[in-house]
PDB file of all heavy atoms in Angstrom:
ATOM      1  N   MET A   1      -0.205 -37.436  42.971  1.00  0.00           N
ATOM      2  CA  MET A   1       0.194 -37.662  44.373  1.00  0.00           C
ATOM      3  C   MET A   1      -0.198 -39.061  44.846  1.00  0.00           C
ATOM      4  O   MET A   1       0.602 -39.718  45.514  1.00  0.00           O
ATOM      5  CB  MET A   1      -0.425 -36.580  45.282  1.00  0.00           C
ATOM      6  CG  MET A   1       0.120 -35.200  45.040  1.00  0.00           C
ATOM      7  SD  MET A   1       1.875 -35.077  45.370  1.00  0.00           S
ATOM      8  CE  MET A   1       1.883 -35.203  47.128  1.00  0.00           C
ATOM      9  N   HIS A   2      -1.383 -39.504  44.488  1.00  0.00           N
ATOM     10  CA  HIS A   2      -1.846 -40.841  44.880  1.00  0.00           C
ATOM     11  C   HIS A   2      -0.915 -41.898  44.302  1.00  0.00           C
ATOM     12  O   HIS A   2      -0.490 -42.842  45.022  1.00  0.00           O
ATOM     13  CB  HIS A   2      -3.282 -41.059  44.423  1.00  0.00           C
ATOM     14  CG  HIS A   2      -3.767 -42.445  44.661  1.00  0.00           C
ATOM     15  ND1 HIS A   2      -4.082 -42.912  45.910  1.00  0.00           N
ATOM     16  CD2 HIS A   2      -3.983 -43.480  43.805  1.00  0.00           C
ATOM     17  CE1 HIS A   2      -4.448 -44.182  45.815  1.00  0.00           C
ATOM     18  NE2 HIS A   2      -4.404 -44.540  44.561  1.00  0.00           N
ATOM     19  N   ILE A   3      -0.573 -41.769  43.030  1.00  0.00           N
ATOM     20  CA  ILE A   3       0.302 -42.761  42.377  1.00  0.00           C
ATOM     21  C   ILE A   3       1.682 -42.721  42.998  1.00  0.00           C
ATOM     22  O   ILE A   3       2.293 -43.780  43.260  1.00  0.00           O
ATOM     23  CB  ILE A   3       0.346 -42.553  40.859  1.00  0.00           C
ATOM     24  CG1 ILE A   3      -1.043 -42.830  40.253  1.00  0.00           C
ATOM     25  CG2 ILE A   3       1.380 -43.457  40.216  1.00  0.00           C
ATOM     26  CD1 ILE A   3      -1.186 -42.370  38.808  1.00  0.00           C
ATOM     27  N   VAL A   4       2.247 -41.553  43.244  1.00  0.00           N
ATOM     28  CA  VAL A   4       3.567 -41.431  43.856  1.00  0.00           C
ATOM     29  C   VAL A   4       3.564 -42.079  45.232  1.00  0.00           C
ATOM     30  O   VAL A   4       4.484 -42.835  45.591  1.00  0.00           O
ATOM     31  CB  VAL A   4       4.017 -39.965  43.917  1.00  0.00           C
ATOM     32  CG1 VAL A   4       5.224 -39.817  44.839  1.00  0.00           C
ATOM     33  CG2 VAL A   4       4.359 -39.442  42.538  1.00  0.00           C
ATOM     34  N   GLN A   5       2.521 -41.823  46.031  1.00  0.00           N
ATOM     35  CA  GLN A   5       2.446 -42.444  47.365  1.00  0.00           C
ATOM     36  C   GLN A   5       2.396 -43.955  47.267  1.00  0.00           C
ATOM     37  O   GLN A   5       3.025 -44.674  48.035  1.00  0.00           O
ATOM     38  CB  GLN A   5       1.224 -41.902  48.124  1.00  0.00           C
ATOM     39  CG  GLN A   5       1.391 -40.497  48.579  1.00  0.00           C
ATOM     40  CD  GLN A   5       0.130 -39.899  49.160  1.00  0.00           C
ATOM     41  OE1 GLN A   5      -0.971 -40.311  48.816  1.00  0.00           O
ATOM     42  NE2 GLN A   5       0.302 -38.916  50.031  1.00  0.00           N
ATOM     43  N   LYS A   6       1.648 -44.481  46.303  1.00  0.00           N
ATOM     44  CA  LYS A   6       1.542 -45.926  46.100  1.00  0.00           C
ATOM     45  C   LYS A   6       2.911 -46.517  45.745  1.00  0.00           C
ATOM     46  O   LYS A   6       3.308 -47.554  46.292  1.00  0.00           O
ATOM     47  CB  LYS A   6       0.519 -46.198  44.996  1.00  0.00           C
ATOM     48  CG  LYS A   6       0.201 -47.656  44.821  1.00  0.00           C
ATOM     49  CD  LYS A   6      -0.993 -47.806  43.866  1.00  0.00           C
ATOM     50  CE  LYS A   6      -0.488 -48.255  42.547  1.00  0.00           C
ATOM     51  NZ  LYS A   6      -1.538 -48.503  41.560  1.00  0.00           N
ATOM     52  N   ILE A   7       3.638 -45.859  44.868  1.00  0.00           N
ATOM     53  CA  ILE A   7       4.962 -46.347  44.453  1.00  0.00           C
ATOM     54  C   ILE A   7       5.947 -46.274  45.606  1.00  0.00           C
ATOM     55  O   ILE A   7       6.723 -47.220  45.824  1.00  0.00           O
ATOM     56  CB  ILE A   7       5.475 -45.572  43.220  1.00  0.00           C
ATOM     57  CG1 ILE A   7       4.632 -45.932  42.001  1.00  0.00           C
ATOM     58  CG2 ILE A   7       6.952 -45.862  42.971  1.00  0.00           C
ATOM     59  CD1 ILE A   7       4.898 -45.093  40.775  1.00  0.00           C
ATOM     60  N   ILE A   8       5.912 -45.202  46.388  1.00  0.00           N
ATOM     61  CA  ILE A   8       6.790 -45.108  47.559  1.00  0.00           C
ATOM     62  C   ILE A   8       6.504 -46.220  48.546  1.00  0.00           C
ATOM     63  O   ILE A   8       7.424 -46.849  49.078  1.00  0.00           O
ATOM     64  CB  ILE A   8       6.679 -43.718  48.228  1.00  0.00           C
ATOM     65  CG1 ILE A   8       7.300 -42.645  47.336  1.00  0.00           C
ATOM     66  CG2 ILE A   8       7.327 -43.716  49.610  1.00  0.00           C
ATOM     67  CD1 ILE A   8       7.055 -41.228  47.808  1.00  0.00           C
ATOM     68  N   SER A   9       5.218 -46.467  48.801  1.00  0.00           N
ATOM     69  CA  SER A   9       4.837 -47.558  49.716  1.00  0.00           C
ATOM     70  C   SER A   9       5.341 -48.891  49.210  1.00  0.00           C
ATOM     71  O   SER A   9       5.891 -49.701  49.987  1.00  0.00           O
ATOM     72  CB  SER A   9       3.306 -47.624  49.868  1.00  0.00           C
ATOM     73  OG  SER A   9       2.820 -46.485  50.509  1.00  0.00           O
ATOM     74  N   LYS A  10       5.180 -49.134  47.900  1.00  0.00           N
ATOM     75  CA  LYS A  10       5.620 -50.418  47.347  1.00  0.00           C
ATOM     76  C   LYS A  10       7.129 -50.573  47.450  1.00  0.00           C
ATOM     77  O   LYS A  10       7.624 -51.646  47.777  1.00  0.00           O
ATOM     78  CB  LYS A  10       5.156 -50.517  45.889  1.00  0.00           C
ATOM     79  CG  LYS A  10       5.245 -51.895  45.330  1.00  0.00           C
ATOM     80  CD  LYS A  10       4.546 -51.976  43.995  1.00  0.00           C
ATOM     81  CE  LYS A  10       4.561 -53.383  43.465  1.00  0.00           C
ATOM     82  NZ  LYS A  10       3.857 -53.522  42.201  1.00  0.00           N
ATOM     83  N   GLU A  11       7.883 -49.478  47.212  1.00  0.00           N
ATOM     84  CA  GLU A  11       9.341 -49.536  47.326  1.00  0.00           C
ATOM     85  C   GLU A  11       9.746 -49.830  48.796  1.00  0.00           C
ATOM     86  O   GLU A  11      10.657 -50.564  49.048  1.00  0.00           O
ATOM     87  CB  GLU A  11       9.972 -48.214  46.852  1.00  0.00           C
ATOM     88  CG  GLU A  11       9.866 -47.987  45.383  1.00  0.00           C
ATOM     89  CD  GLU A  11      10.565 -49.052  44.541  1.00  0.00           C
ATOM     90  OE1 GLU A  11      11.669 -49.472  44.916  1.00  0.00           O
ATOM     91  OE2 GLU A  11       9.976 -49.453  43.519  1.00  0.00           O
ATOM     92  N   THR A  12       9.041 -49.221  49.739  1.00  0.00           N
ATOM     93  CA  THR A  12       9.303 -49.469  51.148  1.00  0.00           C
ATOM     94  C   THR A  12       9.031 -50.907  51.482  1.00  0.00           C
ATOM     95  O   THR A  12       9.804 -51.588  52.155  1.00  0.00           O
ATOM     96  CB  THR A  12       8.456 -48.512  52.023  1.00  0.00           C
ATOM     97  OG1 THR A  12       8.767 -47.184  51.701  1.00  0.00           O
ATOM     98  CG2 THR A  12       8.700 -48.771  53.526  1.00  0.00           C
ATOM     99  N   TYR A  13       7.884 -51.448  51.000  1.00  0.00           N
ATOM    100  CA  TYR A  13       7.528 -52.826  51.267  1.00  0.00           C
ATOM    101  C   TYR A  13       8.587 -53.770  50.683  1.00  0.00           C
ATOM    102  O   TYR A  13       8.930 -54.790  51.275  1.00  0.00           O
ATOM    103  CB  TYR A  13       6.167 -53.192  50.686  1.00  0.00           C
ATOM    104  CG  TYR A  13       5.002 -52.522  51.392  1.00  0.00           C
ATOM    105  CD1 TYR A  13       3.857 -52.150  50.674  1.00  0.00           C
ATOM    106  CD2 TYR A  13       5.015 -52.284  52.758  1.00  0.00           C
ATOM    107  CE1 TYR A  13       2.786 -51.576  51.329  1.00  0.00           C
ATOM    108  CE2 TYR A  13       3.938 -51.703  53.414  1.00  0.00           C
ATOM    109  CZ  TYR A  13       2.802 -51.357  52.669  1.00  0.00           C
ATOM    110  OH  TYR A  13       1.754 -50.789  53.321  1.00  0.00           O
ATOM    111  N   ARG A  14       9.118 -53.435  49.508  1.00  0.00           N
ATOM    112  CA  ARG A  14      10.135 -54.279  48.858  1.00  0.00           C
ATOM    113  C   ARG A  14      11.417 -54.332  49.714  1.00  0.00           C
ATOM    114  O   ARG A  14      12.088 -55.343  49.786  1.00  0.00           O
ATOM    115  CB  ARG A  14      10.472 -53.779  47.471  1.00  0.00           C
ATOM    116  CG  ARG A  14       9.444 -54.107  46.426  1.00  0.00           C
ATOM    117  CD  ARG A  14       9.933 -53.706  45.034  1.00  0.00           C
ATOM    118  NE  ARG A  14       8.896 -53.869  44.038  1.00  0.00           N
ATOM    119  CZ  ARG A  14       8.573 -55.033  43.492  1.00  0.00           C
ATOM    120  NH1 ARG A  14       9.194 -56.105  43.845  1.00  0.00           N
ATOM    121  NH2 ARG A  14       7.616 -55.070  42.591  1.00  0.00           N
ATOM    122  N   ARG A  15      11.738 -53.192  50.343  1.00  0.00           N
ATOM    123  CA  ARG A  15      12.931 -53.165  51.179  1.00  0.00           C
ATOM    124  C   ARG A  15      12.734 -53.885  52.518  1.00  0.00           C
ATOM    125  O   ARG A  15      13.656 -54.494  53.034  1.00  0.00           O
ATOM    126  CB  ARG A  15      13.343 -51.719  51.452  1.00  0.00           C
ATOM    127  CG  ARG A  15      14.062 -51.022  50.335  1.00  0.00           C
ATOM    128  CD  ARG A  15      14.673 -49.709  50.771  1.00  0.00           C
ATOM    129  NE  ARG A  15      13.729 -48.817  51.408  1.00  0.00           N
ATOM    130  CZ  ARG A  15      12.905 -47.965  50.807  1.00  0.00           C
ATOM    131  NH1 ARG A  15      12.913 -47.901  49.496  1.00  0.00           N
ATOM    132  NH2 ARG A  15      12.097 -47.202  51.490  1.00  0.00           N
ATOM    133  N   GLU A  16      11.521 -53.804  53.057  1.00  0.00           N
ATOM    134  CA  GLU A  16      11.285 -54.289  54.407  1.00  0.00           C
ATOM    135  C   GLU A  16      10.717 -55.720  54.447  1.00  0.00           C
ATOM    136  O   GLU A  16      10.695 -56.305  55.522  1.00  0.00           O
ATOM    137  CB  GLU A  16      10.304 -53.363  55.117  1.00  0.00           C
ATOM    138  CG  GLU A  16      10.890 -51.986  55.346  1.00  0.00           C
ATOM    139  CD  GLU A  16       9.916 -51.021  55.961  1.00  0.00           C
ATOM    140  OE1 GLU A  16       8.706 -51.369  56.109  1.00  0.00           O
ATOM    141  OE2 GLU A  16      10.337 -49.880  56.284  1.00  0.00           O
ATOM    142  N   ASN A  17      10.245 -56.259  53.343  1.00  0.00           N
ATOM    143  CA  ASN A  17       9.661 -57.569  53.338  1.00  0.00           C
ATOM    144  C   ASN A  17      10.354 -58.424  52.259  1.00  0.00           C
ATOM    145  O   ASN A  17      10.953 -57.894  51.309  1.00  0.00           O
ATOM    146  CB  ASN A  17       8.161 -57.501  53.051  1.00  0.00           C
ATOM    147  CG  ASN A  17       7.470 -56.665  54.120  1.00  0.00           C
ATOM    148  OD1 ASN A  17       7.293 -57.107  55.230  1.00  0.00           O
ATOM    149  ND2 ASN A  17       7.109 -55.445  53.775  1.00  0.00           N
ATOM    150  N   GLU A  18      10.245 -59.705  52.418  1.00  0.00           N
ATOM    151  CA  GLU A  18      10.982 -60.611  51.534  1.00  0.00           C
ATOM    152  C   GLU A  18      10.026 -61.569  50.822  1.00  0.00           C
ATOM    153  O   GLU A  18       9.122 -62.106  51.427  1.00  0.00           O
ATOM    154  CB  GLU A  18      11.997 -61.385  52.359  1.00  0.00           C
ATOM    155  CG  GLU A  18      12.829 -62.354  51.567  1.00  0.00           C
ATOM    156  CD  GLU A  18      13.782 -63.137  52.456  1.00  0.00           C
ATOM    157  OE1 GLU A  18      13.689 -63.049  53.700  1.00  0.00           O
ATOM    158  OE2 GLU A  18      14.620 -63.842  51.880  1.00  0.00           O
ATOM    159  N   VAL A  19      10.270 -61.719  49.520  1.00  0.00           N
ATOM    160  CA  VAL A  19       9.515 -62.719  48.757  1.00  0.00           C
ATOM    161  C   VAL A  19      10.529 -63.473  47.890  1.00  0.00           C
ATOM    162  O   VAL A  19      11.301 -62.839  47.164  1.00  0.00           O
ATOM    163  CB  VAL A  19       8.442 -62.079  47.838  1.00  0.00           C
ATOM    164  CG1 VAL A  19       7.725 -63.142  47.036  1.00  0.00           C
ATOM    165  CG2 VAL A  19       7.451 -61.242  48.639  1.00  0.00           C
ATOM    166  N   VAL A  20      10.527 -64.787  48.033  1.00  0.00           N
ATOM    167  CA  VAL A  20      11.433 -65.625  47.245  1.00  0.00           C
ATOM    168  C   VAL A  20      10.608 -66.665  46.531  1.00  0.00           C
ATOM    169  O   VAL A  20       9.764 -67.345  47.117  1.00  0.00           O
ATOM    170  CB  VAL A  20      12.478 -66.310  48.161  1.00  0.00           C
ATOM    171  CG1 VAL A  20      13.370 -67.240  47.360  1.00  0.00           C
ATOM    172  CG2 VAL A  20      13.304 -65.281  48.910  1.00  0.00           C
ATOM    173  N   ILE A  21      10.846 -66.773  45.216  1.00  0.00           N
ATOM    174  CA  ILE A  21      10.166 -67.787  44.423  1.00  0.00           C
ATOM    175  C   ILE A  21      11.124 -68.944  44.226  1.00  0.00           C
ATOM    176  O   ILE A  21      12.256 -68.770  43.752  1.00  0.00           O
ATOM    177  CB  ILE A  21       9.742 -67.238  43.046  1.00  0.00           C
ATOM    178  CG1 ILE A  21       8.725 -66.078  43.281  1.00  0.00           C
ATOM    179  CG2 ILE A  21       9.159 -68.330  42.173  1.00  0.00           C
ATOM    180  CD1 ILE A  21       8.344 -65.345  41.990  1.00  0.00           C
ATOM    181  N   VAL A  22      10.687 -70.149  44.647  1.00  0.00           N
ATOM    182  CA  VAL A  22      11.505 -71.361  44.551  1.00  0.00           C
ATOM    183  C   VAL A  22      10.898 -72.281  43.506  1.00  0.00           C
ATOM    184  O   VAL A  22       9.709 -72.598  43.569  1.00  0.00           O
ATOM    185  CB  VAL A  22      11.598 -72.065  45.907  1.00  0.00           C
ATOM    186  CG1 VAL A  22      12.437 -73.334  45.816  1.00  0.00           C
ATOM    187  CG2 VAL A  22      12.140 -71.138  46.983  1.00  0.00           C
ATOM    188  N   LYS A  23      11.727 -72.703  42.556  1.00  0.00           N
ATOM    189  CA  LYS A  23      11.270 -73.634  41.512  1.00  0.00           C
ATOM    190  C   LYS A  23      11.355 -75.039  42.038  1.00  0.00           C
ATOM    191  O   LYS A  23      12.385 -75.471  42.596  1.00  0.00           O
ATOM    192  CB  LYS A  23      12.094 -73.471  40.261  1.00  0.00           C
ATOM    193  CG  LYS A  23      11.618 -74.338  39.117  1.00  0.00           C
ATOM    194  CD  LYS A  23      12.363 -74.033  37.834  1.00  0.00           C
ATOM    195  CE  LYS A  23      11.979 -75.066  36.846  1.00  0.00           C
ATOM    196  NZ  LYS A  23      11.402 -74.763  35.679  1.00  0.00           N
ATOM    197  N   ASN A  24      10.256 -75.829  41.900  1.00  0.00           N
ATOM    198  CA  ASN A  24      10.206 -77.221  42.302  1.00  0.00           C
ATOM    199  C   ASN A  24       9.827 -78.051  41.100  1.00  0.00           C
ATOM    200  O   ASN A  24       8.665 -78.248  40.825  1.00  0.00           O
ATOM    201  CB  ASN A  24       9.142 -77.434  43.390  1.00  0.00           C
ATOM    202  CG  ASN A  24       9.277 -76.482  44.532  1.00  0.00           C
ATOM    203  OD1 ASN A  24      10.338 -76.340  45.114  1.00  0.00           O
ATOM    204  ND2 ASN A  24       8.201 -75.782  44.859  1.00  0.00           N
ATOM    205  N   ASN A  25      10.799 -78.540  40.350  1.00  0.00           N
ATOM    206  CA  ASN A  25      10.528 -79.261  39.085  1.00  0.00           C
ATOM    207  C   ASN A  25       9.688 -78.372  38.153  1.00  0.00           C
ATOM    208  O   ASN A  25      10.193 -77.405  37.620  1.00  0.00           O
ATOM    209  CB  ASN A  25       9.900 -80.610  39.340  1.00  0.00           C
ATOM    210  CG  ASN A  25      10.829 -81.509  40.149  1.00  0.00           C
ATOM    211  OD1 ASN A  25      12.051 -81.493  39.940  1.00  0.00           O
ATOM    212  ND2 ASN A  25      10.280 -82.292  41.049  1.00  0.00           N
TER     213      ASN A  25
END
């Protein structure tokens, strides 16, 4: 249950927050 809750939270965070990696040289 703990692991499932952690994965659900992470999936929610992925949908609601944005992270973009930009290459600079």
